[in-house]
Amino acid sequence: MGLVCRLIHALSPVALPWPARVALGTGIGALLLVVLNQTLAPDLTPSLERASVLAGALAVGLMLVAALWTRAVPDAAARAELQGREGLQLAGNLPEAVAEELGWGSQMLLTATPAATLVVLWDGVPLLRRGLLGGGMFQPGELCQRARAKASAISLVDLRLYPGRAEFDGLLEGLPSVVVQPLAQRGWVVLGGWSARCFSRSDLQWLEGWSQRLTARLAAAGPAATGCPAGPAVASAPGPQDC
């Protein structure tokens, strides 16, 4: 009974999903029935004791399933209070097709994923910064170079755990998570998330698909793709019609 009490105390503040509640309730009810049956039985025969042990083990197993459910389906991390202002910085003199692609893709990433800020770099030139903007300038470092060498995205699910996290202070200070997606061998798309572990597998697949499309557009534009350095930030992020 002490185990039951501890399990109930541990799970009481947790909002369990329905299947976990059913498993917990069934396990507690079955264990109580086992104890009641043992108490009311006129004779404690070996067969009754064996049956009670097996039933009790199954009941405890159901309660453990409910307890482990909260670990298998953890609550989402809290959204961080990031300091920055909504804005847009876009390189000047970009080809119309490139500017439209950057505007459309960045808007979708900021509205359809948990991204708080993003930057697009091509041939060493920052083509776009959008979302929450910090006061510094982002400079690719070791982690970005590693993503380029791997030719695949690197997802830093909790930036506090990585020694090289200072690389992304120029993007926005205090970011909980970052995704670095290379653009072939010529650039990167870097996303900063609102919370730790916020980017799902589908978010990463969407980012990879758009990055391939953007790479093709930039490569087709040739030297004109770099335009001129990004201009001053707009006061607020524009909607899709402004892109």
C-alpha atoms as a PDB file:
ATOM      1  CA  MET A   1       0.000   0.000   0.000  1.00  0.00           C
ATOM      2  CA  GLY A   2       2.914   2.329   0.594  1.00  0.00           C
ATOM      3  CA  LEU A   3       3.903   1.939  -3.065  1.00  0.00           C
ATOM      4  CA  VAL A   4       0.353   2.809  -4.129  1.00  0.00           C
ATOM      5  CA  CYS A   5       0.347   5.927  -1.968  1.00  0.00           C
ATOM      6  CA  ARG A   6       3.670   7.089  -3.384  1.00  0.00           C
ATOM      7  CA  LEU A   7       2.484   6.521  -6.949  1.00  0.00           C
ATOM      8  CA  ILE A   8      -0.721   8.454  -6.344  1.00  0.00           C
ATOM      9  CA  HIS A   9       1.221  11.304  -4.727  1.00  0.00           C
ATOM     10  CA  ALA A  10       3.702  11.438  -7.621  1.00  0.00           C
ATOM     11  CA  LEU A  11       1.017  11.413 -10.317  1.00  0.00           C
ATOM     12  CA  SER A  12      -1.604  13.624  -8.662  1.00  0.00           C
ATOM     13  CA  PRO A  13      -0.248  16.989  -9.961  1.00  0.00           C
ATOM     14  CA  VAL A  14       0.197  15.650 -13.488  1.00  0.00           C
ATOM     15  CA  ALA A  15      -2.521  16.053 -16.110  1.00  0.00           C
ATOM     16  CA  LEU A  16      -2.600  12.450 -17.305  1.00  0.00           C
ATOM     17  CA  PRO A  17      -4.130  11.558 -20.670  1.00  0.00           C
ATOM     18  CA  TRP A  18      -7.178   9.317 -20.637  1.00  0.00           C
ATOM     19  CA  PRO A  19      -5.392   6.008 -21.411  1.00  0.00           C
ATOM     20  CA  ALA A  20      -2.950   6.601 -18.541  1.00  0.00           C
ATOM     21  CA  ARG A  21      -5.821   7.434 -16.156  1.00  0.00           C
ATOM     22  CA  VAL A  22      -7.602   4.200 -17.119  1.00  0.00           C
ATOM     23  CA  ALA A  23      -4.432   2.185 -16.521  1.00  0.00           C
ATOM     24  CA  LEU A  24      -3.842   3.872 -13.157  1.00  0.00           C
ATOM     25  CA  GLY A  25      -7.444   3.459 -12.000  1.00  0.00           C
ATOM     26  CA  THR A  26      -7.572  -0.172 -13.096  1.00  0.00           C
ATOM     27  CA  GLY A  27      -4.320  -0.966 -11.344  1.00  0.00           C
ATOM     28  CA  ILE A  28      -5.378   0.675  -8.065  1.00  0.00           C
ATOM     29  CA  GLY A  29      -8.799  -0.986  -8.174  1.00  0.00           C
ATOM     30  CA  ALA A  30      -7.313  -4.415  -8.888  1.00  0.00           C
ATOM     31  CA  LEU A  31      -4.797  -4.091  -6.063  1.00  0.00           C
ATOM     32  CA  LEU A  32      -7.498  -3.095  -3.594  1.00  0.00           C
ATOM     33  CA  LEU A  33      -9.598  -6.096  -4.656  1.00  0.00           C
ATOM     34  CA  VAL A  34      -6.601  -8.399  -4.132  1.00  0.00           C
ATOM     35  CA  VAL A  35      -6.110  -7.073  -0.598  1.00  0.00           C
ATOM     36  CA  LEU A  36      -9.830  -7.338   0.137  1.00  0.00           C
ATOM     37  CA  ASN A  37      -9.954 -10.889  -1.182  1.00  0.00           C
ATOM     38  CA  GLN A  38      -6.999 -11.892   0.984  1.00  0.00           C
ATOM     39  CA  THR A  39      -8.595 -10.301   4.038  1.00  0.00           C
ATOM     40  CA  LEU A  40     -11.996 -11.966   3.620  1.00  0.00           C
ATOM     41  CA  ALA A  41     -10.743 -15.409   2.597  1.00  0.00           C
ATOM     42  CA  PRO A  42     -11.526 -18.041   5.286  1.00  0.00           C
ATOM     43  CA  ASP A  43      -8.335 -19.987   4.559  1.00  0.00           C
ATOM     44  CA  LEU A  44      -5.032 -18.817   3.069  1.00  0.00           C
ATOM     45  CA  THR A  45      -4.286 -21.742   0.806  1.00  0.00           C
ATOM     46  CA  PRO A  46      -1.101 -21.911  -1.316  1.00  0.00           C
ATOM     47  CA  SER A  47      -3.124 -21.561  -4.522  1.00  0.00           C
ATOM     48  CA  LEU A  48      -4.842 -18.417  -3.206  1.00  0.00           C
ATOM     49  CA  GLU A  49      -1.503 -16.890  -2.193  1.00  0.00           C
ATOM     50  CA  ARG A  50      -0.016 -17.590  -5.628  1.00  0.00           C
ATOM     51  CA  ALA A  51      -3.045 -16.055  -7.337  1.00  0.00           C
ATOM     52  CA  SER A  52      -2.845 -13.007  -5.058  1.00  0.00           C
ATOM     53  CA  VAL A  53       0.843 -12.481  -5.843  1.00  0.00           C
ATOM     54  CA  LEU A  54       0.239 -12.683  -9.593  1.00  0.00           C
ATOM     55  CA  ALA A  55      -2.783 -10.379  -9.461  1.00  0.00           C
ATOM     56  CA  GLY A  56      -0.900  -7.888  -7.293  1.00  0.00           C
ATOM     57  CA  ALA A  57       2.056  -7.879  -9.720  1.00  0.00           C
ATOM     58  CA  LEU A  58      -0.258  -7.219 -12.654  1.00  0.00           C
ATOM     59  CA  ALA A  59      -1.971  -4.386 -10.754  1.00  0.00           C
ATOM     60  CA  VAL A  60       1.355  -2.743  -9.909  1.00  0.00           C
ATOM     61  CA  GLY A  61       2.422  -3.171 -13.545  1.00  0.00           C
ATOM     62  CA  LEU A  62      -0.635  -1.218 -14.699  1.00  0.00           C
ATOM     63  CA  MET A  63       0.190   1.599 -12.279  1.00  0.00           C
ATOM     64  CA  LEU A  64       3.783   1.698 -13.519  1.00  0.00           C
ATOM     65  CA  VAL A  65       2.495   1.999 -17.094  1.00  0.00           C
ATOM     66  CA  ALA A  66       0.587   5.118 -16.027  1.00  0.00           C
ATOM     67  CA  ALA A  67       3.676   6.499 -14.295  1.00  0.00           C
ATOM     68  CA  LEU A  68       5.917   5.899 -17.321  1.00  0.00           C
ATOM     69  CA  TRP A  69       3.330   7.477 -19.613  1.00  0.00           C
ATOM     70  CA  THR A  70       4.283  10.918 -18.295  1.00  0.00           C
ATOM     71  CA  ARG A  71       7.920  10.257 -19.269  1.00  0.00           C
ATOM     72  CA  ALA A  72       7.078   8.902 -22.731  1.00  0.00           C
ATOM     73  CA  VAL A  73       4.856  11.901 -23.482  1.00  0.00           C
ATOM     74  CA  PRO A  74       6.520  14.817 -21.606  1.00  0.00           C
ATOM     75  CA  ASP A  75       4.995  18.265 -21.375  1.00  0.00           C
ATOM     76  CA  ALA A  76       6.268  20.852 -23.826  1.00  0.00           C
ATOM     77  CA  ALA A  77       9.019  23.111 -22.523  1.00  0.00           C
ATOM     78  CA  ALA A  78       7.975  26.569 -21.383  1.00  0.00           C
ATOM     79  CA  ARG A  79       8.310  29.382 -23.902  1.00  0.00           C
ATOM     80  CA  ALA A  80      11.322  31.579 -23.149  1.00  0.00           C
ATOM     81  CA  GLU A  81      11.040  35.322 -22.597  1.00  0.00           C
ATOM     82  CA  LEU A  82      13.289  36.458 -25.432  1.00  0.00           C
ATOM     83  CA  GLN A  83      14.438  40.046 -25.632  1.00  0.00           C
ATOM     84  CA  GLY A  84      14.305  41.585 -29.093  1.00  0.00           C
ATOM     85  CA  ARG A  85      12.094  43.499 -31.471  1.00  0.00           C
ATOM     86  CA  GLU A  86      10.110  42.227 -34.409  1.00  0.00           C
ATOM     87  CA  GLY A  87      11.763  43.266 -37.613  1.00  0.00           C
ATOM     88  CA  LEU A  88      12.977  42.480 -41.094  1.00  0.00           C
ATOM     89  CA  GLN A  89      16.379  43.072 -42.654  1.00  0.00           C
ATOM     90  CA  LEU A  90      16.629  42.263 -46.355  1.00  0.00           C
ATOM     91  CA  ALA A  91      19.639  42.735 -48.597  1.00  0.00           C
ATOM     92  CA  GLY A  92      19.111  45.363 -51.288  1.00  0.00           C
ATOM     93  CA  ASN A  93      19.150  44.917 -55.060  1.00  0.00           C
ATOM     94  CA  LEU A  94      18.116  41.272 -54.901  1.00  0.00           C
ATOM     95  CA  PRO A  95      16.477  39.710 -57.963  1.00  0.00           C
ATOM     96  CA  GLU A  96      12.711  39.768 -57.628  1.00  0.00           C
ATOM     97  CA  ALA A  97      12.434  35.970 -57.646  1.00  0.00           C
ATOM     98  CA  VAL A  98      14.989  35.655 -54.828  1.00  0.00           C
ATOM     99  CA  ALA A  99      13.347  38.381 -52.725  1.00  0.00           C
ATOM    100  CA  GLU A 100       9.927  36.754 -53.125  1.00  0.00           C
ATOM    101  CA  GLU A 101      11.320  33.340 -52.185  1.00  0.00           C
ATOM    102  CA  LEU A 102      13.030  34.723 -49.092  1.00  0.00           C
ATOM    103  CA  GLY A 103       9.913  36.610 -48.038  1.00  0.00           C
ATOM    104  CA  TRP A 104       7.531  33.698 -48.558  1.00  0.00           C
ATOM    105  CA  GLY A 105       9.743  31.048 -46.970  1.00  0.00           C
ATOM    106  CA  SER A 106      10.699  33.107 -43.929  1.00  0.00           C
ATOM    107  CA  GLN A 107       7.073  34.057 -43.291  1.00  0.00           C
ATOM    108  CA  MET A 108       6.025  30.406 -43.388  1.00  0.00           C
ATOM    109  CA  LEU A 109       8.826  29.338 -41.051  1.00  0.00           C
ATOM    110  CA  LEU A 110       7.927  32.018 -38.505  1.00  0.00           C
ATOM    111  CA  THR A 111       4.202  31.260 -38.575  1.00  0.00           C
ATOM    112  CA  ALA A 112       4.059  27.490 -39.166  1.00  0.00           C
ATOM    113  CA  THR A 113       6.940  26.418 -36.887  1.00  0.00           C
ATOM    114  CA  PRO A 114       8.072  27.444 -33.371  1.00  0.00           C
ATOM    115  CA  ALA A 115      10.816  29.666 -34.850  1.00  0.00           C
ATOM    116  CA  ALA A 116      11.298  33.040 -33.165  1.00  0.00           C
ATOM    117  CA  THR A 117      14.037  34.358 -35.439  1.00  0.00           C
ATOM    118  CA  LEU A 118      15.947  33.334 -38.543  1.00  0.00           C
ATOM    119  CA  VAL A 119      18.868  34.405 -40.680  1.00  0.00           C
ATOM    120  CA  VAL A 120      19.826  33.426 -44.231  1.00  0.00           C
ATOM    121  CA  LEU A 121      23.461  33.712 -45.339  1.00  0.00           C
ATOM    122  CA  TRP A 122      24.803  33.117 -48.856  1.00  0.00           C
ATOM    123  CA  ASP A 123      28.426  33.441 -49.911  1.00  0.00           C
ATOM    124  CA  GLY A 124      29.200  35.182 -46.619  1.00  0.00           C
ATOM    125  CA  VAL A 125      26.488  37.828 -47.103  1.00  0.00           C
ATOM    126  CA  PRO A 126      23.444  38.036 -44.767  1.00  0.00           C
ATOM    127  CA  LEU A 127      20.536  38.127 -47.210  1.00  0.00           C
ATOM    128  CA  LEU A 128      17.763  38.113 -44.630  1.00  0.00           C
ATOM    129  CA  ARG A 129      17.137  38.501 -40.912  1.00  0.00           C
ATOM    130  CA  ARG A 130      13.560  38.235 -39.732  1.00  0.00           C
ATOM    131  CA  GLY A 131      11.542  37.728 -36.579  1.00  0.00           C
ATOM    132  CA  LEU A 132      12.946  38.844 -33.237  1.00  0.00           C
ATOM    133  CA  LEU A 133      16.139  40.772 -33.930  1.00  0.00           C
ATOM    134  CA  GLY A 134      18.998  41.278 -31.495  1.00  0.00           C
ATOM    135  CA  GLY A 135      21.538  44.039 -31.465  1.00  0.00           C
ATOM    136  CA  GLY A 136      24.504  41.999 -32.742  1.00  0.00           C
ATOM    137  CA  MET A 137      25.477  40.502 -36.084  1.00  0.00           C
ATOM    138  CA  PHE A 138      25.542  36.747 -36.518  1.00  0.00           C
ATOM    139  CA  GLN A 139      28.854  35.228 -37.594  1.00  0.00           C
ATOM    140  CA  PRO A 140      28.941  31.512 -38.526  1.00  0.00           C
ATOM    141  CA  GLY A 141      31.244  29.496 -36.318  1.00  0.00           C
ATOM    142  CA  GLU A 142      32.294  25.926 -35.679  1.00  0.00           C
ATOM    143  CA  LEU A 143      28.788  24.467 -35.455  1.00  0.00           C
ATOM    144  CA  CYS A 144      27.756  26.040 -38.749  1.00  0.00           C
ATOM    145  CA  GLN A 145      30.904  24.704 -40.393  1.00  0.00           C
ATOM    146  CA  ARG A 146      30.120  21.258 -39.015  1.00  0.00           C
ATOM    147  CA  ALA A 147      26.626  21.367 -40.549  1.00  0.00           C
ATOM    148  CA  ARG A 148      28.168  22.362 -43.892  1.00  0.00           C
ATOM    149  CA  ALA A 149      30.694  19.521 -43.697  1.00  0.00           C
ATOM    150  CA  LYS A 150      27.924  17.016 -42.918  1.00  0.00           C
ATOM    151  CA  ALA A 151      25.681  18.503 -45.637  1.00  0.00           C
ATOM    152  CA  SER A 152      22.737  18.088 -43.269  1.00  0.00           C
ATOM    153  CA  ALA A 153      20.951  20.042 -40.579  1.00  0.00           C
ATOM    154  CA  ILE A 154      22.193  20.192 -36.992  1.00  0.00           C
ATOM    155  CA  SER A 155      19.459  20.572 -34.384  1.00  0.00           C
ATOM    156  CA  LEU A 156      20.624  21.923 -31.013  1.00  0.00           C
ATOM    157  CA  VAL A 157      17.572  20.999 -28.959  1.00  0.00           C
ATOM    158  CA  ASP A 158      18.746  22.675 -25.739  1.00  0.00           C
ATOM    159  CA  LEU A 159      21.404  25.298 -26.355  1.00  0.00           C
ATOM    160  CA  ARG A 160      22.406  25.421 -22.680  1.00  0.00           C
ATOM    161  CA  LEU A 161      24.003  21.978 -23.055  1.00  0.00           C
ATOM    162  CA  TYR A 162      26.404  22.940 -25.873  1.00  0.00           C
ATOM    163  CA  PRO A 163      29.795  24.546 -25.148  1.00  0.00           C
ATOM    164  CA  GLY A 164      29.723  26.440 -28.467  1.00  0.00           C
ATOM    165  CA  ARG A 165      26.420  28.191 -27.777  1.00  0.00           C
ATOM    166  CA  ALA A 166      28.118  31.616 -27.734  1.00  0.00           C
ATOM    167  CA  GLU A 167      28.281  31.310 -31.533  1.00  0.00           C
ATOM    168  CA  PHE A 168      24.572  32.169 -31.667  1.00  0.00           C
ATOM    169  CA  ASP A 169      24.584  35.182 -29.338  1.00  0.00           C
ATOM    170  CA  GLY A 170      24.747  37.399 -32.413  1.00  0.00           C
ATOM    171  CA  LEU A 171      21.530  35.837 -33.666  1.00  0.00           C
ATOM    172  CA  LEU A 172      19.556  36.548 -30.484  1.00  0.00           C
ATOM    173  CA  GLU A 173      20.710  36.245 -26.887  1.00  0.00           C
ATOM    174  CA  GLY A 174      19.093  33.631 -24.685  1.00  0.00           C
ATOM    175  CA  LEU A 175      17.811  31.355 -27.461  1.00  0.00           C
ATOM    176  CA  PRO A 176      16.727  27.986 -26.015  1.00  0.00           C
ATOM    177  CA  SER A 177      17.214  26.006 -29.252  1.00  0.00           C
ATOM    178  CA  VAL A 178      18.734  26.438 -32.705  1.00  0.00           C
ATOM    179  CA  VAL A 179      18.623  24.602 -36.037  1.00  0.00           C
ATOM    180  CA  VAL A 180      21.434  25.087 -38.582  1.00  0.00           C
ATOM    181  CA  GLN A 181      20.506  24.068 -42.145  1.00  0.00           C
ATOM    182  CA  PRO A 182      23.276  24.345 -44.767  1.00  0.00           C
ATOM    183  CA  LEU A 183      22.578  25.728 -48.237  1.00  0.00           C
ATOM    184  CA  ALA A 184      24.850  23.379 -50.197  1.00  0.00           C
ATOM    185  CA  GLN A 185      28.420  24.604 -49.521  1.00  0.00           C
ATOM    186  CA  ARG A 186      27.596  28.292 -49.897  1.00  0.00           C
ATOM    187  CA  GLY A 187      25.443  29.343 -46.970  1.00  0.00           C
ATOM    188  CA  TRP A 188      23.057  28.543 -44.146  1.00  0.00           C
ATOM    189  CA  VAL A 189      19.558  29.039 -42.866  1.00  0.00           C
ATOM    190  CA  VAL A 190      19.681  29.372 -39.066  1.00  0.00           C
ATOM    191  CA  LEU A 191      16.494  29.160 -36.995  1.00  0.00           C
ATOM    192  CA  GLY A 192      16.165  30.105 -33.331  1.00  0.00           C
ATOM    193  CA  GLY A 193      13.277  28.533 -31.401  1.00  0.00           C
ATOM    194  CA  TRP A 194      11.025  29.854 -28.666  1.00  0.00           C
ATOM    195  CA  SER A 195      11.700  26.922 -26.330  1.00  0.00           C
ATOM    196  CA  ALA A 196      13.908  23.873 -25.875  1.00  0.00           C
ATOM    197  CA  ARG A 197      13.048  20.814 -28.000  1.00  0.00           C
ATOM    198  CA  CYS A 198      10.434  22.846 -29.858  1.00  0.00           C
ATOM    199  CA  PHE A 199      11.246  21.796 -33.435  1.00  0.00           C
ATOM    200  CA  SER A 200       9.542  18.597 -34.569  1.00  0.00           C
ATOM    201  CA  ARG A 201      10.704  16.183 -37.246  1.00  0.00           C
ATOM    202  CA  SER A 202       8.168  17.639 -39.673  1.00  0.00           C
ATOM    203  CA  ASP A 203       9.557  21.149 -38.999  1.00  0.00           C
ATOM    204  CA  LEU A 204      13.045  19.952 -39.891  1.00  0.00           C
ATOM    205  CA  GLN A 205      11.801  18.222 -43.034  1.00  0.00           C
ATOM    206  CA  TRP A 206       9.958  21.375 -44.097  1.00  0.00           C
ATOM    207  CA  LEU A 207      13.090  23.461 -43.494  1.00  0.00           C
ATOM    208  CA  GLU A 208      15.217  21.035 -45.508  1.00  0.00           C
ATOM    209  CA  GLY A 209      12.789  21.099 -48.445  1.00  0.00           C
ATOM    210  CA  TRP A 210      12.604  24.884 -48.517  1.00  0.00           C
ATOM    211  CA  SER A 211      16.383  25.173 -48.206  1.00  0.00           C
ATOM    212  CA  GLN A 212      16.826  22.998 -51.292  1.00  0.00           C
ATOM    213  CA  ARG A 213      14.393  25.192 -53.215  1.00  0.00           C
ATOM    214  CA  LEU A 214      16.108  28.366 -51.975  1.00  0.00           C
ATOM    215  CA  THR A 215      19.541  27.019 -52.890  1.00  0.00           C
ATOM    216  CA  ALA A 216      18.376  26.394 -56.445  1.00  0.00           C
ATOM    217  CA  ARG A 217      16.976  29.937 -56.711  1.00  0.00           C
ATOM    218  CA  LEU A 218      20.141  31.531 -55.353  1.00  0.00           C
ATOM    219  CA  ALA A 219      22.456  29.463 -57.540  1.00  0.00           C
ATOM    220  CA  ALA A 220      20.386  30.334 -60.631  1.00  0.00           C
ATOM    221  CA  ALA A 221      20.608  34.052 -59.790  1.00  0.00           C
ATOM    222  CA  GLY A 222      24.407  33.962 -59.923  1.00  0.00           C
ATOM    223  CA  PRO A 223      26.394  36.909 -58.480  1.00  0.00           C
ATOM    224  CA  ALA A 224      23.211  39.005 -58.281  1.00  0.00           C
ATOM    225  CA  ALA A 225      21.959  36.731 -55.500  1.00  0.00           C
ATOM    226  CA  THR A 226      24.079  38.494 -52.878  1.00  0.00           C
ATOM    227  CA  GLY A 227      22.665  41.945 -53.695  1.00  0.00           C
ATOM    228  CA  CYS A 228      24.099  44.384 -51.185  1.00  0.00           C
ATOM    229  CA  PRO A 229      24.323  44.080 -47.375  1.00  0.00           C
ATOM    230  CA  ALA A 230      21.060  43.872 -45.490  1.00  0.00           C
ATOM    231  CA  GLY A 231      19.511  47.249 -44.846  1.00  0.00           C
ATOM    232  CA  PRO A 232      18.065  48.653 -41.638  1.00  0.00           C
ATOM    233  CA  ALA A 233      15.398  46.716 -39.850  1.00  0.00           C
ATOM    234  CA  VAL A 234      11.767  47.425 -40.570  1.00  0.00           C
ATOM    235  CA  ALA A 235       9.774  48.283 -37.433  1.00  0.00           C
ATOM    236  CA  SER A 236       7.618  45.206 -37.619  1.00  0.00           C
ATOM    237  CA  ALA A 237       7.689  41.998 -39.574  1.00  0.00           C
ATOM    238  CA  PRO A 238       5.634  42.375 -42.752  1.00  0.00           C
ATOM    239  CA  GLY A 239       2.920  40.020 -43.832  1.00  0.00           C
ATOM    240  CA  PRO A 240       3.195  37.873 -46.959  1.00  0.00           C
ATOM    241  CA  GLN A 241       1.724  40.674 -49.116  1.00  0.00           C
ATOM    242  CA  ASP A 242       4.730  42.884 -48.264  1.00  0.00           C
ATOM    243  CA  CYS A 243       7.209  40.375 -49.625  1.00  0.00           C
END
